[in-house]
Amino acid sequence: MFKKIFSFLVIVQLLHFLSFAQIPAGYYDVANGLSGLTLKTALYNKIKGHTVVSYGGLYTSYQTTDNLPPNKVWDMYSIKADGTANYFFTHGNNQCGSYSGEGDCYNREHSTPASWFNDATPMYSDLFNVYPTDGYVNNRRSNYPQAKVGNATWTSSNGSKLGSCGAAGYAGTVFEPIDSFKGDFARTFLYMATRYENLVANWPSNSTECAAVYAGNNGLTFKPWYVTMLLSWCALDPVSQKEINRNNAVYAIQHNRNPYIDHPEYITLIWGGGANVMVNSITVSGQGGNTSISTINGSLQMLASVLPSNATNSTFTWSVKNPNIGTISSTGLLTAISNGLDTVVATANDGSGVIGYKVITITNQGNGINFANQYNNINIFPNPADNEINIDYRNLKIQPESVYISDTRGRKIKNVSNITEFQRIDISDLEKGLYFVTLSFEGQHLTYKFVK
C-alpha cells in the first residue's frame, strides 16, 4: 500500500510536527461516556468556532498540512496506490491558473462541494474540507458526490473514476477516489457533518447532488445508503500517519481537530459501524384504509409501517403539514379542525431522515368550531323575563346564522334579524308561558328555555 511505502516520508514529517504531534490533554473529555447523537453534539460544541483561514491563505497552509517531502504537494487525485505518480506538483510553483489536462496545475478542492453549502463561510476555507488537488481532476469531479462508481466514463491517471453510481440508493453521477484515500475522504465528510451540525439540515436545498447524500437533518446527517458507504470506506482505509500528521498541522492553524482521526471509535459510537440498521422506508395509512374525515371534529387513527423490520431504532414522530386543518397526537390520532387537505407525516427517529406521508381530506367542518360545544358561552337573561330578553353572544367563538323564539308546540313565533354580539329582543307581545330561544349554525343548534 502507498501509505506503507512512504513510511520514511512519514518519519520526516513527524520530526517537523513534534511540537504539536499529540492530542492536547483533556481535549476530548467532553466525550467521555457518551454515544449516539449526544456524542456527536458534544464533539460539535468542542470543534466549532475554529480560527478561520482565508481562502487565499490555503496555499500557504498546504505547505505544512499537505506536504510530501521534498516540498511536493500531497495530492490524493494524482498519487497512486503504489506511491508513484505521473507527475508531482511543487508548493508555490504549480498553482492554477488555467489547465487543459492532468498535471497542468493544482488548486483547492472542496471535498464537500462549495455549492452544497452555497459558498458560505467558514466552510468555504475550512482546511479539513479543502484539499490541494489536480485542477483538471477537480474540474472533472465537479459537484458530484463521492461514491462507488458502477460504470466509469472517465478514469484519472491515479485510478480515480467518474461515472454512474454503483451503490444502491442513488443512480446519478459520482466520483470515486482510489481505495488508499477513501478513508481520508470519509472521515472528512463525517467531520463536516459534525463541525457544521447547526447548518447541515439546510444544505440539501442548495443542490440536487447534495440532496442525494444529505438527509436534511442535523442528526446522522446522511441518507442511509451513504452512511453505509462511509462506514465501509473507513473500514477499508483506516487512519494513517498521513492523516494524523495533517490533523496536527491543521490544529496548529485552525485550533480545532477532526475527532474521527483522533478517535475512529467515535464513528461506530455515533453511526453504528454496521451494527445499526437504519430505517429505509415508512408507509403511512389511515386505519381501515380511510383517507378522509367528514364528521365535525372527527378523528382518524393513523398507522405507520417501518422497514426494515429489524431496524435498530424503528420509532418515529408524527406531525402534520397544515396544523390549522388538523392536529395529530403523539400516538397518531388525527383530529379535524377545518376543511381542506392535510398531510400526515411520520419521521424516523434514527437520524436517517426517512419520512412517510399520507394526504387526508377533511370536510364538513364549517370553520372548524363545533358549534354544539358552545352552549356555556351564551348568556340569556333575565329569566323569567318581562317585556324583553337579552342574548349575549360575546363569548361565542362564531356568530350564529339564525336566532328564533319558539313555543312549546315547536312553532317559530319570532325571528331575529340583524344578529349582533348582544341582542335585545322585545317580547312584550308574547303571552305568559314557557318559550325557547334557538341559535343555529350549519345544521347545529343550541336551544335555551326561558319563562315569561
Protein backbone atom coordinates (compact mmCIF):
# COMPACT_ATOMS: atom_id res chain seq x y z
CA MET A 1 0.00 0.00 0.00
CA PHE A 2 1.03 3.56 -0.75
CA LYS A 3 0.89 4.71 2.86
CA LYS A 4 3.32 1.98 3.91
CA ILE A 5 5.69 2.64 1.04
CA PHE A 6 6.04 6.23 2.15
CA SER A 7 6.76 5.40 5.79
CA PHE A 8 10.18 7.05 5.54
CA LEU A 9 8.48 10.28 4.49
CA VAL A 10 6.22 9.98 7.48
CA ILE A 11 9.29 9.97 9.74
CA VAL A 12 10.44 13.22 8.18
CA GLN A 13 7.02 14.75 8.74
CA LEU A 14 6.92 13.51 12.32
CA LEU A 15 10.12 15.39 13.05
CA HIS A 16 8.51 18.53 11.64
CA PHE A 17 5.39 18.18 13.78
CA LEU A 18 6.95 17.16 17.09
CA SER A 19 5.96 20.47 18.63
CA PHE A 20 2.25 19.69 18.22
CA ALA A 21 2.07 15.98 17.44
CA GLN A 22 -0.03 14.92 20.39
CA ILE A 23 -3.74 15.32 21.07
CA PRO A 24 -3.96 18.11 23.65
CA ALA A 25 -4.54 16.76 27.15
CA GLY A 26 -8.23 16.74 28.04
CA TYR A 27 -9.33 17.76 24.56
CA TYR A 28 -11.91 15.00 24.34
CA ASP A 29 -13.01 14.92 27.98
CA VAL A 30 -16.38 16.24 26.79
CA ALA A 31 -16.94 12.94 25.00
CA ASN A 32 -16.34 10.63 27.93
CA GLY A 33 -19.12 8.09 28.37
CA LEU A 34 -21.22 9.44 25.51
CA SER A 35 -22.56 7.76 22.39
CA GLY A 36 -25.02 8.36 19.57
CA LEU A 37 -26.17 11.84 18.71
CA THR A 38 -25.32 13.08 22.21
CA LEU A 39 -21.68 12.32 21.46
CA LYS A 40 -21.89 13.97 18.05
CA THR A 41 -23.30 17.17 19.55
CA ALA A 42 -20.64 17.19 22.26
CA LEU A 43 -17.97 16.97 19.56
CA TYR A 44 -19.68 19.76 17.61
CA ASN A 45 -19.51 22.02 20.64
CA LYS A 46 -15.82 21.17 21.03
CA ILE A 47 -14.65 21.77 17.46
CA LYS A 48 -16.90 24.66 16.42
CA GLY A 49 -15.68 28.24 16.37
CA HIS A 50 -12.32 27.40 14.81
CA THR A 51 -9.86 30.02 13.61
CA VAL A 52 -10.85 30.76 10.02
CA VAL A 53 -8.15 30.77 7.36
CA SER A 54 -8.73 32.99 4.34
CA TYR A 55 -9.35 31.21 1.06
CA GLY A 56 -6.22 32.80 -0.36
CA GLY A 57 -4.23 31.63 2.66
CA LEU A 58 -4.94 27.96 1.98
CA TYR A 59 -2.00 27.60 -0.40
CA THR A 60 0.39 28.72 2.35
CA SER A 61 -1.25 26.34 4.81
CA TYR A 62 -0.84 23.44 2.40
CA GLN A 63 2.94 23.74 2.72
CA THR A 64 2.58 22.22 6.19
CA THR A 65 -0.75 20.39 6.06
CA ASP A 66 -0.26 18.61 2.73
CA ASN A 67 3.48 18.47 2.22
CA LEU A 68 5.16 15.49 0.61
CA PRO A 69 8.94 15.92 1.09
CA PRO A 70 10.77 17.45 -0.58
CA ASN A 71 8.29 20.34 -0.90
CA LYS A 72 5.81 18.42 -3.07
CA VAL A 73 2.02 18.59 -2.84
CA TRP A 74 0.31 15.55 -1.37
CA ASP A 75 -2.43 15.30 -3.98
CA MET A 76 -4.92 12.49 -3.43
CA TYR A 77 -6.17 12.84 -7.01
CA SER A 78 -2.77 12.14 -8.65
CA ILE A 79 -0.70 9.93 -6.32
CA LYS A 80 -1.25 6.24 -6.99
CA ALA A 81 -1.73 3.32 -4.63
CA ASP A 82 1.91 2.26 -5.03
CA GLY A 83 3.18 5.72 -4.12
CA THR A 84 4.14 6.74 -7.63
CA ALA A 85 2.54 9.42 -9.78
CA ASN A 86 2.72 10.54 -13.37
CA TYR A 87 3.61 13.99 -12.03
CA PHE A 88 4.13 15.83 -8.74
CA PHE A 89 3.27 19.44 -8.01
CA THR A 90 5.65 21.75 -6.18
CA HIS A 91 4.29 24.07 -3.49
CA GLY A 92 4.12 27.64 -4.74
CA ASN A 93 5.09 26.83 -8.33
CA ASN A 94 2.20 24.95 -9.89
CA GLN A 95 -0.91 26.74 -8.67
CA CYS A 96 -3.82 27.10 -11.12
CA GLY A 97 -4.22 29.11 -13.46
CA SER A 98 -5.73 27.54 -16.45
CA TYR A 99 -5.46 23.88 -17.30
CA SER A 100 -6.20 21.62 -20.24
CA GLY A 101 -5.28 18.26 -18.79
CA GLU A 102 -3.89 16.40 -15.82
CA GLY A 103 -0.61 17.63 -14.39
CA ASP A 104 -1.02 21.25 -15.51
CA CYS A 105 -1.59 22.74 -12.06
CA TYR A 106 -3.14 22.18 -8.63
CA ASN A 107 -5.91 24.11 -6.93
CA ARG A 108 -8.24 23.91 -3.92
CA GLU A 109 -10.74 21.06 -3.91
CA HIS A 110 -13.81 21.28 -1.69
CA SER A 111 -14.31 17.61 -0.85
CA THR A 112 -17.81 18.61 0.23
CA PRO A 113 -18.56 20.82 -2.79
CA ALA A 114 -18.90 24.52 -2.06
CA SER A 115 -22.17 24.71 -3.98
CA TRP A 116 -23.69 22.31 -1.45
CA PHE A 117 -23.36 24.95 1.27
CA ASN A 118 -23.86 27.91 -1.08
CA ASP A 119 -20.18 29.01 -0.92
CA ALA A 120 -20.71 30.13 2.67
CA THR A 121 -18.08 30.69 5.32
CA PRO A 122 -16.46 29.26 7.33
CA MET A 123 -16.97 26.04 5.35
CA TYR A 124 -15.53 27.59 2.19
CA SER A 125 -11.99 27.71 3.55
CA ASP A 126 -12.07 25.02 6.25
CA LEU A 127 -8.75 23.18 5.87
CA PHE A 128 -10.34 19.91 6.91
CA ASN A 129 -12.61 20.11 3.87
CA VAL A 130 -10.45 21.83 1.24
CA TYR A 131 -7.54 19.79 -0.14
CA PRO A 132 -4.89 20.61 -2.75
CA THR A 133 -5.63 18.53 -5.85
CA ASP A 134 -5.01 18.45 -9.58
CA GLY A 135 -7.09 21.25 -11.10
CA TYR A 136 -8.20 19.22 -14.10
CA VAL A 137 -9.32 16.24 -12.00
CA ASN A 138 -11.01 18.60 -9.58
CA ASN A 139 -12.94 20.06 -12.50
CA ARG A 140 -13.94 16.61 -13.76
CA ARG A 141 -15.14 15.70 -10.28
CA SER A 142 -17.28 18.87 -10.36
CA ASN A 143 -20.01 18.92 -7.68
CA TYR A 144 -20.77 15.22 -7.83
CA PRO A 145 -20.92 13.14 -4.65
CA GLN A 146 -18.02 10.88 -3.83
CA ALA A 147 -19.26 7.30 -4.00
CA LYS A 148 -18.70 3.91 -5.60
CA VAL A 149 -18.70 4.09 -9.43
CA GLY A 150 -20.56 1.35 -11.27
CA ASN A 151 -19.76 2.14 -14.90
CA ALA A 152 -16.84 4.54 -15.33
CA THR A 153 -16.99 7.15 -18.09
CA TRP A 154 -13.58 8.62 -17.20
CA THR A 155 -10.58 7.46 -15.16
CA SER A 156 -7.72 9.65 -13.97
CA SER A 157 -4.04 8.75 -14.09
CA ASN A 158 -4.10 7.55 -10.46
CA GLY A 159 -7.27 5.48 -10.91
CA SER A 160 -9.92 7.89 -9.62
CA LYS A 161 -13.14 7.40 -11.54
CA LEU A 162 -16.16 9.33 -12.76
CA GLY A 163 -19.36 7.52 -13.72
CA SER A 164 -22.75 6.27 -12.67
CA CYS A 165 -23.20 5.33 -9.04
CA GLY A 166 -22.74 1.66 -8.25
CA ALA A 167 -24.17 1.84 -4.74
CA ALA A 168 -27.79 1.00 -4.00
CA GLY A 169 -29.65 4.19 -3.13
CA TYR A 170 -28.52 6.53 -5.90
CA ALA A 171 -28.34 6.29 -9.68
CA GLY A 172 -26.70 9.62 -10.57
CA THR A 173 -23.13 10.53 -11.48
CA VAL A 174 -20.48 10.17 -8.78
CA PHE A 175 -16.72 10.48 -8.34
CA GLU A 176 -14.73 7.66 -6.72
CA PRO A 177 -11.24 8.23 -5.24
CA ILE A 178 -8.78 5.36 -5.08
CA ASP A 179 -9.02 2.91 -2.17
CA SER A 180 -5.91 4.32 -0.48
CA PHE A 181 -7.67 7.62 0.19
CA LYS A 182 -11.28 6.57 0.70
CA GLY A 183 -10.94 6.63 4.48
CA ASP A 184 -9.39 10.11 4.36
CA PHE A 185 -12.39 11.47 2.49
CA ALA A 186 -14.97 9.52 4.51
CA ARG A 187 -13.61 10.89 7.78
CA THR A 188 -13.61 14.36 6.21
CA PHE A 189 -17.32 14.04 5.40
CA LEU A 190 -18.06 12.87 8.95
CA TYR A 191 -16.11 15.87 10.24
CA MET A 192 -18.25 18.20 8.12
CA ALA A 193 -21.44 16.59 9.43
CA THR A 194 -20.23 17.25 12.97
CA ARG A 195 -18.48 20.62 12.72
CA TYR A 196 -21.49 22.11 10.92
CA GLU A 197 -24.21 20.24 12.77
CA ASN A 198 -26.09 23.52 13.16
CA LEU A 199 -26.19 24.10 9.38
CA VAL A 200 -26.26 20.79 7.51
CA ALA A 201 -30.04 20.33 7.66
CA ASN A 202 -30.45 23.18 5.14
CA TRP A 203 -27.75 22.14 2.68
CA PRO A 204 -29.86 19.75 0.53
CA SER A 205 -31.94 22.71 -0.66
CA ASN A 206 -28.84 24.16 -2.34
CA SER A 207 -28.05 21.25 -4.66
CA THR A 208 -29.71 18.16 -6.10
CA GLU A 209 -26.39 16.33 -5.71
CA CYS A 210 -26.28 17.28 -2.06
CA ALA A 211 -29.88 16.15 -1.62
CA ALA A 212 -28.85 12.71 -2.89
CA VAL A 213 -26.42 12.38 0.01
CA TYR A 214 -27.68 14.57 2.86
CA ALA A 215 -30.91 13.64 4.63
CA GLY A 216 -31.89 17.20 5.62
CA ASN A 217 -31.41 16.74 9.37
CA ASN A 218 -28.73 17.61 11.91
CA GLY A 219 -28.68 14.12 13.41
CA LEU A 220 -26.93 11.37 11.47
CA THR A 221 -26.92 13.88 8.59
CA PHE A 222 -26.54 11.46 5.69
CA LYS A 223 -29.00 9.20 3.93
CA PRO A 224 -28.80 5.52 4.90
CA TRP A 225 -27.08 4.41 1.68
CA TYR A 226 -24.35 6.99 2.19
CA VAL A 227 -23.83 6.11 5.86
CA THR A 228 -23.29 2.50 4.80
CA MET A 229 -20.72 3.59 2.22
CA LEU A 230 -18.85 5.92 4.58
CA LEU A 231 -18.56 3.20 7.19
CA SER A 232 -17.23 0.76 4.62
CA TRP A 233 -14.66 3.30 3.38
CA CYS A 234 -13.49 3.97 6.94
CA ALA A 235 -13.00 0.23 7.47
CA LEU A 236 -11.30 -0.25 4.08
CA ASP A 237 -8.81 2.57 4.66
CA PRO A 238 -8.05 3.01 8.38
CA VAL A 239 -6.46 6.16 9.81
CA SER A 240 -2.93 6.60 8.51
CA GLN A 241 0.05 8.53 9.81
CA LYS A 242 -0.54 10.94 6.91
CA GLU A 243 -3.96 11.81 8.36
CA ILE A 244 -2.61 12.09 11.89
CA ASN A 245 0.10 14.49 10.73
CA ARG A 246 -2.39 16.53 8.74
CA ASN A 247 -4.77 16.67 11.71
CA ASN A 248 -1.96 18.04 13.88
CA ALA A 249 -0.92 20.55 11.22
CA VAL A 250 -4.46 21.84 10.74
CA TYR A 251 -4.89 22.07 14.52
CA ALA A 252 -1.85 24.35 14.68
CA ILE A 253 -3.58 26.69 12.22
CA GLN A 254 -7.33 26.38 12.85
CA HIS A 255 -7.18 25.28 16.51
CA ASN A 256 -9.71 22.51 16.06
CA ARG A 257 -9.36 18.82 15.21
CA ASN A 258 -11.05 16.07 13.24
CA PRO A 259 -12.24 13.80 16.05
CA TYR A 260 -12.67 10.82 13.73
CA ILE A 261 -8.93 10.78 13.02
CA ASP A 262 -8.02 11.01 16.71
CA HIS A 263 -10.74 8.58 17.80
CA PRO A 264 -12.04 6.39 14.97
CA GLU A 265 -14.13 4.52 17.53
CA TYR A 266 -16.38 7.58 17.74
CA ILE A 267 -17.62 6.70 14.26
CA THR A 268 -19.09 3.41 15.47
CA LEU A 269 -20.44 5.02 18.64
CA ILE A 270 -22.36 7.57 16.55
CA TRP A 271 -23.12 5.93 13.20
CA GLY A 272 -23.02 2.31 14.31
CA GLY A 273 -20.17 0.85 12.32
CA GLY A 274 -22.52 -1.59 10.65
CA ALA A 275 -24.28 -2.56 13.89
CA ASN A 276 -27.04 -0.04 13.39
CA VAL A 277 -29.72 -0.99 10.89
CA MET A 278 -31.18 2.23 9.52
CA VAL A 279 -34.80 2.83 8.58
CA ASN A 280 -35.16 2.95 4.78
CA SER A 281 -38.91 3.44 4.34
CA ILE A 282 -42.08 4.40 6.21
CA THR A 283 -45.57 3.78 4.82
CA VAL A 284 -48.39 5.84 6.36
CA SER A 285 -52.08 4.94 6.16
CA GLY A 286 -55.37 5.70 7.88
CA GLN A 287 -56.94 2.96 9.95
CA GLY A 288 -59.11 0.74 7.79
CA GLY A 289 -57.64 2.36 4.69
CA ASN A 290 -59.58 5.59 5.33
CA THR A 291 -58.22 8.76 3.76
CA SER A 292 -60.82 11.29 4.91
CA ILE A 293 -62.67 12.75 7.89
CA SER A 294 -66.17 14.08 7.28
CA THR A 295 -67.64 14.50 10.76
CA ILE A 296 -67.40 17.62 12.91
CA ASN A 297 -64.15 17.43 14.90
CA GLY A 298 -63.88 13.84 13.78
CA SER A 299 -60.71 11.81 14.21
CA LEU A 300 -58.81 9.13 12.34
CA GLN A 301 -56.16 6.86 13.77
CA MET A 302 -53.08 6.98 11.58
CA LEU A 303 -50.78 3.99 11.20
CA ALA A 304 -47.16 3.69 10.05
CA SER A 305 -45.22 0.67 8.83
CA VAL A 306 -41.42 0.89 9.19
CA LEU A 307 -38.91 -1.09 7.10
CA PRO A 308 -36.71 -2.95 7.50
CA SER A 309 -38.38 -4.83 10.30
CA ASN A 310 -35.05 -5.24 12.09
CA ALA A 311 -34.23 -1.51 12.14
CA THR A 312 -32.21 -0.68 15.23
CA ASN A 313 -34.50 2.24 16.04
CA SER A 314 -37.90 1.82 14.42
CA THR A 315 -39.61 4.65 16.31
CA PHE A 316 -40.96 7.71 14.55
CA THR A 317 -42.58 11.05 15.27
CA TRP A 318 -45.99 12.18 13.98
CA SER A 319 -46.61 15.65 12.58
CA VAL A 320 -48.92 17.43 10.14
CA LYS A 321 -48.03 19.99 7.50
CA ASN A 322 -51.22 22.05 7.99
CA PRO A 323 -51.96 22.32 11.73
CA ASN A 324 -54.83 24.72 11.01
CA ILE A 325 -56.66 21.91 9.22
CA GLY A 326 -55.88 19.01 11.55
CA THR A 327 -53.85 18.16 14.63
CA ILE A 328 -52.19 14.88 15.44
CA SER A 329 -51.27 13.35 18.79
CA SER A 330 -48.02 11.60 19.64
CA THR A 331 -49.86 8.30 19.13
CA GLY A 332 -51.04 9.23 15.63
CA LEU A 333 -54.65 10.27 16.30
CA LEU A 334 -55.57 12.89 13.68
CA THR A 335 -58.34 15.30 14.71
CA ALA A 336 -60.14 17.54 12.20
CA ILE A 337 -60.27 21.30 12.70
CA SER A 338 -61.28 22.81 9.38
CA ASN A 339 -61.93 21.85 5.78
CA GLY A 340 -59.03 21.10 3.46
CA LEU A 341 -56.19 18.71 2.72
CA ASP A 342 -53.70 17.88 5.43
CA THR A 343 -50.53 15.85 5.03
CA VAL A 344 -49.75 13.50 7.87
CA VAL A 345 -46.02 12.86 8.24
CA ALA A 346 -44.12 10.15 10.13
CA THR A 347 -40.41 10.94 10.56
CA ALA A 348 -37.90 8.26 11.56
CA ASN A 349 -36.15 8.97 14.86
CA ASP A 350 -32.89 7.26 13.92
CA GLY A 351 -31.45 10.30 12.14
CA SER A 352 -31.83 8.71 8.71
CA GLY A 353 -34.14 11.50 7.54
CA VAL A 354 -36.62 8.96 6.17
CA ILE A 355 -40.25 10.10 6.16
CA GLY A 356 -43.58 8.65 5.17
CA TYR A 357 -46.69 10.68 4.48
CA LYS A 358 -50.38 10.44 3.65
CA VAL A 359 -52.74 13.16 2.44
CA ILE A 360 -56.06 13.20 4.33
CA THR A 361 -59.17 15.03 3.08
CA ILE A 362 -61.16 16.84 5.79
CA THR A 363 -64.70 18.08 5.04
CA ASN A 364 -67.91 19.26 6.75
CA GLN A 365 -66.02 21.16 9.45
CA GLY A 366 -67.59 24.58 8.84
CA ASN A 367 -64.91 26.85 10.14
CA GLY A 368 -63.56 24.17 12.37
CA ILE A 369 -65.57 25.02 15.50
CA ASN A 370 -68.06 22.58 16.94
CA PHE A 371 -70.99 24.91 17.45
CA ALA A 372 -72.78 22.43 19.67
CA ASN A 373 -69.95 22.70 22.20
CA GLN A 374 -70.54 26.44 22.68
CA TYR A 375 -73.57 26.07 24.99
CA ASN A 376 -71.94 27.64 28.06
CA ASN A 377 -70.61 30.60 26.07
CA ILE A 378 -74.06 32.15 25.67
CA ASN A 379 -75.90 34.08 28.37
CA ILE A 380 -79.70 34.66 28.20
CA PHE A 381 -81.31 36.97 30.80
CA PRO A 382 -83.39 37.89 32.65
CA ASN A 383 -85.12 34.59 33.20
CA PRO A 384 -88.01 34.83 33.99
CA ALA A 385 -88.39 37.76 31.59
CA ASP A 386 -90.99 40.50 31.38
CA ASN A 387 -91.06 42.71 28.26
CA GLU A 388 -87.65 41.89 26.77
CA ILE A 389 -84.96 39.26 26.88
CA ASN A 390 -81.24 39.75 26.28
CA ILE A 391 -78.93 37.32 24.44
CA ASP A 392 -75.19 37.84 24.99
CA TYR A 393 -73.02 36.08 22.32
CA ARG A 394 -69.77 37.85 23.12
CA ASN A 395 -68.06 34.70 24.41
CA LEU A 396 -69.24 32.70 21.40
CA LYS A 397 -66.43 31.71 19.01
CA ILE A 398 -68.67 32.07 15.99
CA GLN A 399 -71.74 34.14 15.25
CA PRO A 400 -74.92 32.06 14.67
CA GLU A 401 -76.60 32.12 11.28
CA SER A 402 -80.12 32.37 12.72
CA VAL A 403 -81.84 33.08 16.03
CA TYR A 404 -85.53 32.49 16.68
CA ILE A 405 -88.01 32.03 19.51
CA SER A 406 -90.45 29.10 19.51
CA ASP A 407 -93.25 27.94 21.79
CA THR A 408 -93.86 24.61 23.46
CA ARG A 409 -95.57 23.33 20.29
CA GLY A 410 -92.40 23.99 18.25
CA ARG A 411 -93.87 26.91 16.30
CA LYS A 412 -91.46 29.71 15.37
CA ILE A 413 -93.10 32.84 16.67
CA LYS A 414 -90.29 35.39 16.42
CA ASN A 415 -87.24 35.54 14.12
CA VAL A 416 -84.27 37.74 15.00
CA SER A 417 -82.75 39.81 12.21
CA ASN A 418 -79.50 41.77 12.16
CA ILE A 419 -77.78 39.43 14.59
CA THR A 420 -75.13 41.17 16.71
CA GLU A 421 -72.91 40.11 19.62
CA PHE A 422 -75.52 41.40 22.09
CA GLN A 423 -79.16 41.04 21.21
CA ARG A 424 -82.12 42.70 23.00
CA ILE A 425 -85.42 41.14 21.89
CA ASP A 426 -88.84 42.67 22.52
CA ILE A 427 -91.24 40.01 23.90
CA SER A 428 -93.91 42.35 25.21
CA ASP A 429 -96.37 40.85 22.74
CA LEU A 430 -95.91 37.28 24.00
CA GLU A 431 -98.34 35.70 26.43
CA LYS A 432 -97.06 34.39 29.74
CA GLY A 433 -95.62 30.89 29.48
CA LEU A 434 -92.62 28.74 28.55
CA TYR A 435 -90.58 29.60 25.42
CA PHE A 436 -87.35 28.53 23.68
CA VAL A 437 -84.54 30.52 22.09
CA THR A 438 -82.71 28.57 19.36
CA LEU A 439 -79.40 29.53 17.74
CA SER A 440 -78.31 27.69 14.57
CA PHE A 441 -75.11 27.33 12.54
CA GLU A 442 -74.59 24.92 9.60
CA GLY A 443 -77.17 22.45 10.86
CA GLN A 444 -76.07 22.63 14.50
CA HIS A 445 -78.43 24.02 17.15
CA LEU A 446 -78.26 25.46 20.65
CA THR A 447 -81.60 25.76 22.48
CA TYR A 448 -82.37 27.60 25.76
CA LYS A 449 -85.56 27.79 27.84
CA PHE A 450 -86.97 30.97 29.32
CA VAL A 451 -90.16 31.90 31.12
CA LYS A 452 -92.28 34.96 30.71
